[in-house]
């Protein structure tokens, strides 16, 4: 250990042991500040996601007619705005992202209050050719933050409002 300190002293020239201790203390202070900022940013993002995590959508109930219904749920106490729901393929050779979904396979809601709603598309999805579908939804939360909930459940923050995001 003494050799390491001696090499550090030689590296820094004529720095005394107390000055080296001061330098180490300053380094630890900078590391502590950096760690605080990282933790604070992570907590801020978790708080941002609070409402968005409570928004989900899925296909169903299946009624057997040409209308495909989906259910969208808001488990938060505040509404979300400008909701765009897109029918996407979970499996098979069809559009796998809401960005690829044709306009007739989208539904629009200006406000989604707390609770669940069922909405229908006037299209039939029979699952032929190994196709399995899900719902991708984009929305603006009560803080004005824009989100996309992919059909696999992942949540992505986006910069544009939902309607602008999908063009």
Foldseek 3Di string as FASTA:
>chain_A
DVVVVVVVCVVVDPDDPVNVVVVVVVVVVVVVVVVVVVVVVVVVVVVVCVQVLQWDKWWDDDDPDQKTKMKIAGQDQAKWAWKKKAKAWPDDPDHHDLLRGDPLRIDTDGIDHHGMDMDIRRGDDPCPPVTDITMKMWTAGPVRWIWIQHRVRDIDTDDDHPVVVSD
